Each structure stands twice: as C-alpha cells, then as structure tokens.
C-alpha cells in the first residue's frame, strides 16, 4: 500500500507533524509565504517612447513569471501525486494571477481522488490574517499568530477563488465565527 501523500502549503507546525506521525505517509511542507514575499516584477514600459502598453501581454508575462516562481517551489518528482492538500489561508495571500498560476503548476501533482482544505477571506479584516495552522485532531485545527505579516491580503468572493482552482471544486463550505470561509475541496 502506498503512503498517504500530504501537501501542506504552510509551515511544518508540530501539531500537523504529530497528527500524521503515526501514519504511513509522506508530508511535504512548502512554506509558501516565503515564495510570496516579493512578487515578480516586470520591467516597466518606457513612458517617453509613446508606445502603447499592451495590458493583456503584460498580464500574460506576469502570469508566466508566477508560473516560473511556483515551478521552482513545487519541484517534486514527476510521479508525485498528492492525496491531501492543506492550503490553509494561502489563497488570501495571492492575487488573482498568482492564485491561477499556483493551481496550474500544482495540477499535474493531483489525482482524481485528491482532497483539499482551505480558508477563504471574504472581506478585509486584519484580525484573520497572519496565522499559522495545523491539525490538532481530526476535527480540530490548531491556530497561532504567524510570521508573514508583510504579505498583502486579497479578500474576494468564494466563486472568484473557486474559478481559479484548476483541478479542484469546492465541495463544502462553512462560514466560521472569525469571518473566514472554511472549504473542503475535491478534484473535478
């Protein structure tokens, strides 16, 4: 029997390590906030040349820059397929292009049975950002202050986030008391 393959895009908090420690599994921690600290920057077009800026081309170049960034972070062996992806609140720290690029690059590493979990920030609220999460028990999350307060937040509606999650669909959502929407994901 193959080990359970788990992707945790956060940091390796001890609760998650302990939760999976007695199971036959492989845990992969990304520490994704580190990859988001400095977004890719494209050279700005020369204003004095009178050239018209092609915004669509600029957006595509930025999307490609994010893809390259995430390819270097998601550098798994080609045959890697995750059973569970713990996204935590990572959706909220990526703008639309970054989120789209991340899921495009992740897509080859998921399979039709892959499940996911995430927290979507629906409105601006500094009290629900900069947290680290883990699994304390099968029905209980661990949460503590994080170390990525410099990251910009991008609150948005669930439907907009769901439209960018290549390969995943929201199967269930619950609005938490802190205002975050907790979602379980399944592959499409």
C-alpha atoms as a PDB file:
ATOM      1  CA  UNK A   1       0.000   0.000   0.000  1.00  0.00           C
ATOM      2  CA  UNK A   2       1.329   3.435  -0.953  1.00  0.00           C
ATOM      3  CA  UNK A   3       1.861   6.013   1.773  1.00  0.00           C
ATOM      4  CA  UNK A   4      -0.610   8.870   2.105  1.00  0.00           C
ATOM      5  CA  UNK A   5       0.850  11.866   0.234  1.00  0.00           C
ATOM      6  CA  UNK A   6       0.128  15.166   2.006  1.00  0.00           C
ATOM      7  CA  UNK A   7       0.981  18.665   0.779  1.00  0.00           C
ATOM      8  CA  UNK A   8       0.913  21.390   3.434  1.00  0.00           C
ATOM      9  CA  UNK A   9       1.492  24.789   1.832  1.00  0.00           C
ATOM     10  CA  UNK A  10       2.125  26.332   5.240  1.00  0.00           C
ATOM     11  CA  UNK A  11       4.974  25.739   7.610  1.00  0.00           C
ATOM     12  CA  UNK A  12       5.666  22.477   9.414  1.00  0.00           C
ATOM     13  CA  UNK A  13       3.843  23.130  12.676  1.00  0.00           C
ATOM     14  CA  UNK A  14       4.314  20.454  15.305  1.00  0.00           C
ATOM     15  CA  UNK A  15       0.586  19.643  15.584  1.00  0.00           C
ATOM     16  CA  UNK A  16       0.398  18.563  11.937  1.00  0.00           C
ATOM     17  CA  UNK A  17       3.614  16.568  12.182  1.00  0.00           C
ATOM     18  CA  UNK A  18       2.323  14.854  15.321  1.00  0.00           C
ATOM     19  CA  UNK A  19      -1.108  14.187  13.741  1.00  0.00           C
ATOM     20  CA  UNK A  20       0.397  12.378  10.752  1.00  0.00           C
ATOM     21  CA  UNK A  21       3.385  10.996  12.650  1.00  0.00           C
ATOM     22  CA  UNK A  22       1.828   7.612  13.432  1.00  0.00           C
ATOM     23  CA  UNK A  23       0.502   7.071   9.912  1.00  0.00           C
ATOM     24  CA  UNK A  24       2.193   5.729   6.844  1.00  0.00           C
ATOM     25  CA  UNK A  25       2.522   8.980   4.928  1.00  0.00           C
ATOM     26  CA  UNK A  26       4.841  11.495   3.312  1.00  0.00           C
ATOM     27  CA  UNK A  27       4.428  15.103   4.395  1.00  0.00           C
ATOM     28  CA  UNK A  28       5.599  17.883   2.099  1.00  0.00           C
ATOM     29  CA  UNK A  29       5.768  21.384   3.566  1.00  0.00           C
ATOM     30  CA  UNK A  30       6.155  24.331   1.195  1.00  0.00           C
ATOM     31  CA  UNK A  31       6.310  27.378   3.419  1.00  0.00           C
ATOM     32  CA  UNK A  32       4.557  29.141   0.546  1.00  0.00           C
ATOM     33  CA  UNK A  33       4.555  32.575   2.201  1.00  0.00           C
ATOM     34  CA  UNK A  34       8.303  32.717   1.574  1.00  0.00           C
ATOM     35  CA  UNK A  35       7.661  32.481  -2.194  1.00  0.00           C
ATOM     36  CA  UNK A  36       5.088  35.281  -1.978  1.00  0.00           C
ATOM     37  CA  UNK A  37       7.183  37.858  -0.102  1.00  0.00           C
ATOM     38  CA  UNK A  38       8.390  39.579  -3.247  1.00  0.00           C
ATOM     39  CA  UNK A  39       6.078  39.245  -6.249  1.00  0.00           C
ATOM     40  CA  UNK A  40       7.692  39.066  -9.680  1.00  0.00           C
ATOM     41  CA  UNK A  41       8.336  42.487 -11.153  1.00  0.00           C
ATOM     42  CA  UNK A  42       8.260  43.109 -14.878  1.00  0.00           C
ATOM     43  CA  UNK A  43      10.273  45.916 -16.406  1.00  0.00           C
ATOM     44  CA  UNK A  44       8.041  48.957 -16.719  1.00  0.00           C
ATOM     45  CA  UNK A  45       7.419  50.124 -20.263  1.00  0.00           C
ATOM     46  CA  UNK A  46       9.216  53.261 -21.310  1.00  0.00           C
ATOM     47  CA  UNK A  47       6.789  56.140 -20.913  1.00  0.00           C
ATOM     48  CA  UNK A  48       8.693  58.513 -23.214  1.00  0.00           C
ATOM     49  CA  UNK A  49       8.687  56.325 -26.313  1.00  0.00           C
ATOM     50  CA  UNK A  50       4.998  56.828 -26.972  1.00  0.00           C
ATOM     51  CA  UNK A  51       4.433  53.080 -27.225  1.00  0.00           C
ATOM     52  CA  UNK A  52       1.035  51.753 -26.260  1.00  0.00           C
ATOM     53  CA  UNK A  53       1.216  49.304 -23.406  1.00  0.00           C
ATOM     54  CA  UNK A  54      -0.450  46.007 -24.249  1.00  0.00           C
ATOM     55  CA  UNK A  55      -2.080  45.214 -20.899  1.00  0.00           C
ATOM     56  CA  UNK A  56      -3.073  41.703 -21.961  1.00  0.00           C
ATOM     57  CA  UNK A  57       0.539  40.909 -22.891  1.00  0.00           C
ATOM     58  CA  UNK A  58       1.780  42.427 -19.632  1.00  0.00           C
ATOM     59  CA  UNK A  59      -0.685  40.282 -17.636  1.00  0.00           C
ATOM     60  CA  UNK A  60       0.374  37.148 -19.543  1.00  0.00           C
ATOM     61  CA  UNK A  61       4.051  37.935 -18.840  1.00  0.00           C
ATOM     62  CA  UNK A  62       3.273  38.369 -15.154  1.00  0.00           C
ATOM     63  CA  UNK A  63       1.298  35.100 -15.123  1.00  0.00           C
ATOM     64  CA  UNK A  64       4.300  33.347 -16.716  1.00  0.00           C
ATOM     65  CA  UNK A  65       6.622  34.869 -14.105  1.00  0.00           C
ATOM     66  CA  UNK A  66       4.384  33.479 -11.337  1.00  0.00           C
ATOM     67  CA  UNK A  67       4.322  30.068 -13.058  1.00  0.00           C
ATOM     68  CA  UNK A  68       8.121  30.011 -13.079  1.00  0.00           C
ATOM     69  CA  UNK A  69       8.253  31.012  -9.414  1.00  0.00           C
ATOM     70  CA  UNK A  70       5.859  28.219  -8.438  1.00  0.00           C
ATOM     71  CA  UNK A  71       7.624  25.628 -10.617  1.00  0.00           C
ATOM     72  CA  UNK A  72      10.736  26.220  -8.547  1.00  0.00           C
ATOM     73  CA  UNK A  73       8.736  25.830  -5.308  1.00  0.00           C
ATOM     74  CA  UNK A  74       6.669  22.818  -6.448  1.00  0.00           C
ATOM     75  CA  UNK A  75       9.734  20.905  -7.596  1.00  0.00           C
ATOM     76  CA  UNK A  76       8.518  17.383  -6.849  1.00  0.00           C
ATOM     77  CA  UNK A  77       9.442  14.180  -8.661  1.00  0.00           C
ATOM     78  CA  UNK A  78       7.338  13.800 -11.807  1.00  0.00           C
ATOM     79  CA  UNK A  79       5.374  10.831 -10.437  1.00  0.00           C
ATOM     80  CA  UNK A  80       4.283  12.659  -7.241  1.00  0.00           C
ATOM     81  CA  UNK A  81       0.510  12.683  -6.697  1.00  0.00           C
ATOM     82  CA  UNK A  82      -0.995  14.153  -3.546  1.00  0.00           C
ATOM     83  CA  UNK A  83      -3.920  12.591  -1.708  1.00  0.00           C
ATOM     84  CA  UNK A  84      -4.495  15.627   0.523  1.00  0.00           C
ATOM     85  CA  UNK A  85      -3.602  19.299   0.039  1.00  0.00           C
ATOM     86  CA  UNK A  86      -3.777  21.599   3.059  1.00  0.00           C
ATOM     87  CA  UNK A  87      -3.920  25.111   1.631  1.00  0.00           C
ATOM     88  CA  UNK A  88      -4.880  26.789   4.915  1.00  0.00           C
ATOM     89  CA  UNK A  89      -5.231  30.532   4.210  1.00  0.00           C
ATOM     90  CA  UNK A  90      -2.734  30.692   1.322  1.00  0.00           C
ATOM     91  CA  UNK A  91      -5.481  31.705  -1.151  1.00  0.00           C
ATOM     92  CA  UNK A  92      -5.681  35.048   0.632  1.00  0.00           C
ATOM     93  CA  UNK A  93      -2.029  35.967   0.116  1.00  0.00           C
ATOM     94  CA  UNK A  94      -2.072  35.528  -3.667  1.00  0.00           C
ATOM     95  CA  UNK A  95      -3.578  37.961  -6.122  1.00  0.00           C
ATOM     96  CA  UNK A  96      -5.670  36.505  -8.945  1.00  0.00           C
ATOM     97  CA  UNK A  97      -2.715  35.909 -11.286  1.00  0.00           C
ATOM     98  CA  UNK A  98      -0.609  34.255  -8.609  1.00  0.00           C
ATOM     99  CA  UNK A  99      -3.503  32.034  -7.493  1.00  0.00           C
ATOM    100  CA  UNK A 100      -4.218  30.969 -11.068  1.00  0.00           C
ATOM    101  CA  UNK A 101      -0.531  30.235 -11.723  1.00  0.00           C
ATOM    102  CA  UNK A 102      -0.135  28.280  -8.471  1.00  0.00           C
ATOM    103  CA  UNK A 103      -3.005  25.923  -9.291  1.00  0.00           C
ATOM    104  CA  UNK A 104      -1.857  25.485 -12.889  1.00  0.00           C
ATOM    105  CA  UNK A 105       1.568  24.396 -11.658  1.00  0.00           C
ATOM    106  CA  UNK A 106       0.084  22.204  -8.897  1.00  0.00           C
ATOM    107  CA  UNK A 107      -2.381  20.482 -11.257  1.00  0.00           C
ATOM    108  CA  UNK A 108      -0.002  17.716 -12.508  1.00  0.00           C
ATOM    109  CA  UNK A 109       0.549  16.634  -8.887  1.00  0.00           C
ATOM    110  CA  UNK A 110      -3.091  15.947  -8.071  1.00  0.00           C
ATOM    111  CA  UNK A 111      -5.166  12.920  -8.964  1.00  0.00           C
ATOM    112  CA  UNK A 112      -8.889  12.323  -9.278  1.00  0.00           C
ATOM    113  CA  UNK A 113      -9.204  11.348  -5.592  1.00  0.00           C
ATOM    114  CA  UNK A 114      -7.212  14.284  -4.175  1.00  0.00           C
ATOM    115  CA  UNK A 115      -8.909  16.272  -1.428  1.00  0.00           C
ATOM    116  CA  UNK A 116      -8.121  19.772  -0.252  1.00  0.00           C
ATOM    117  CA  UNK A 117      -8.817  22.151   2.586  1.00  0.00           C
ATOM    118  CA  UNK A 118      -8.609  25.937   2.663  1.00  0.00           C
ATOM    119  CA  UNK A 119      -9.743  29.134   4.340  1.00  0.00           C
ATOM    120  CA  UNK A 120     -11.047  31.982   2.171  1.00  0.00           C
ATOM    121  CA  UNK A 121     -11.069  35.546   3.419  1.00  0.00           C
ATOM    122  CA  UNK A 122     -14.250  37.131   2.095  1.00  0.00           C
ATOM    123  CA  UNK A 123     -13.691  40.713   3.296  1.00  0.00           C
ATOM    124  CA  UNK A 124     -10.863  42.896   4.547  1.00  0.00           C
ATOM    125  CA  UNK A 125     -10.100  42.063   8.181  1.00  0.00           C
ATOM    126  CA  UNK A 126      -6.585  42.276   9.627  1.00  0.00           C
ATOM    127  CA  UNK A 127      -7.614  40.109  12.597  1.00  0.00           C
ATOM    128  CA  UNK A 128      -7.885  36.969  10.438  1.00  0.00           C
ATOM    129  CA  UNK A 129      -4.571  37.312   8.624  1.00  0.00           C
ATOM    130  CA  UNK A 130      -1.026  36.336   9.545  1.00  0.00           C
ATOM    131  CA  UNK A 131      -1.812  32.997  11.134  1.00  0.00           C
ATOM    132  CA  UNK A 132      -0.246  29.573  11.030  1.00  0.00           C
ATOM    133  CA  UNK A 133      -2.452  26.491  11.006  1.00  0.00           C
ATOM    134  CA  UNK A 134      -2.106  22.817  11.730  1.00  0.00           C
ATOM    135  CA  UNK A 135      -4.161  19.724  12.525  1.00  0.00           C
ATOM    136  CA  UNK A 136      -4.560  19.208  16.245  1.00  0.00           C
ATOM    137  CA  UNK A 137      -7.164  16.421  15.998  1.00  0.00           C
ATOM    138  CA  UNK A 138      -9.345  15.007  13.200  1.00  0.00           C
ATOM    139  CA  UNK A 139     -11.985  17.643  13.976  1.00  0.00           C
ATOM    140  CA  UNK A 140      -9.828  20.436  15.433  1.00  0.00           C
ATOM    141  CA  UNK A 141      -7.431  22.923  13.852  1.00  0.00           C
ATOM    142  CA  UNK A 142      -4.516  24.484  15.666  1.00  0.00           C
ATOM    143  CA  UNK A 143      -4.068  28.199  15.028  1.00  0.00           C
ATOM    144  CA  UNK A 144      -1.406  30.636  16.219  1.00  0.00           C
ATOM    145  CA  UNK A 145      -0.025  34.022  15.163  1.00  0.00           C
ATOM    146  CA  UNK A 146       2.101  33.725  12.050  1.00  0.00           C
ATOM    147  CA  UNK A 147       5.329  35.234  10.802  1.00  0.00           C
ATOM    148  CA  UNK A 148       4.226  36.633   7.453  1.00  0.00           C
ATOM    149  CA  UNK A 149       2.624  39.960   8.332  1.00  0.00           C
ATOM    150  CA  UNK A 150       4.369  41.682   5.423  1.00  0.00           C
ATOM    151  CA  UNK A 151       2.246  39.805   2.868  1.00  0.00           C
ATOM    152  CA  UNK A 152      -0.573  41.623   1.130  1.00  0.00           C
ATOM    153  CA  UNK A 153      -4.069  40.185   1.547  1.00  0.00           C
ATOM    154  CA  UNK A 154      -6.540  39.685  -1.289  1.00  0.00           C
ATOM    155  CA  UNK A 155     -10.025  39.055   0.103  1.00  0.00           C
ATOM    156  CA  UNK A 156     -12.586  38.042  -2.535  1.00  0.00           C
ATOM    157  CA  UNK A 157     -15.800  36.088  -3.010  1.00  0.00           C
ATOM    158  CA  UNK A 158     -15.778  32.293  -2.900  1.00  0.00           C
ATOM    159  CA  UNK A 159     -16.886  31.996  -6.538  1.00  0.00           C
ATOM    160  CA  UNK A 160     -13.922  34.073  -7.730  1.00  0.00           C
ATOM    161  CA  UNK A 161     -11.461  31.940  -5.771  1.00  0.00           C
ATOM    162  CA  UNK A 162     -13.137  28.708  -6.916  1.00  0.00           C
ATOM    163  CA  UNK A 163     -12.850  29.767 -10.563  1.00  0.00           C
ATOM    164  CA  UNK A 164      -9.036  29.836 -10.256  1.00  0.00           C
ATOM    165  CA  UNK A 165      -8.517  26.479  -8.509  1.00  0.00           C
ATOM    166  CA  UNK A 166      -7.587  24.404 -11.559  1.00  0.00           C
ATOM    167  CA  UNK A 167      -8.489  20.788 -10.919  1.00  0.00           C
ATOM    168  CA  UNK A 168     -10.432  21.479  -7.710  1.00  0.00           C
ATOM    169  CA  UNK A 169     -14.036  22.353  -6.895  1.00  0.00           C
ATOM    170  CA  UNK A 170     -15.499  23.463  -3.583  1.00  0.00           C
ATOM    171  CA  UNK A 171     -17.477  20.535  -2.201  1.00  0.00           C
ATOM    172  CA  UNK A 172     -18.495  22.103   1.109  1.00  0.00           C
ATOM    173  CA  UNK A 173     -18.110  25.439   2.856  1.00  0.00           C
ATOM    174  CA  UNK A 174     -18.752  26.704   6.379  1.00  0.00           C
ATOM    175  CA  UNK A 175     -18.569  30.326   7.474  1.00  0.00           C
ATOM    176  CA  UNK A 176     -16.514  30.431  10.660  1.00  0.00           C
ATOM    177  CA  UNK A 177     -17.077  32.831  13.542  1.00  0.00           C
ATOM    178  CA  UNK A 178     -13.896  34.718  12.629  1.00  0.00           C
ATOM    179  CA  UNK A 179     -15.330  35.539   9.165  1.00  0.00           C
ATOM    180  CA  UNK A 180     -13.227  33.076   7.162  1.00  0.00           C
ATOM    181  CA  UNK A 181     -14.981  30.621   4.887  1.00  0.00           C
ATOM    182  CA  UNK A 182     -13.616  27.132   5.560  1.00  0.00           C
ATOM    183  CA  UNK A 183     -13.876  24.983   2.433  1.00  0.00           C
ATOM    184  CA  UNK A 184     -13.281  21.364   1.601  1.00  0.00           C
ATOM    185  CA  UNK A 185     -12.190  20.711  -1.955  1.00  0.00           C
ATOM    186  CA  UNK A 186     -12.432  17.740  -4.263  1.00  0.00           C
ATOM    187  CA  UNK A 187     -10.961  17.216  -7.677  1.00  0.00           C
ATOM    188  CA  UNK A 188     -13.077  17.901 -10.715  1.00  0.00           C
END
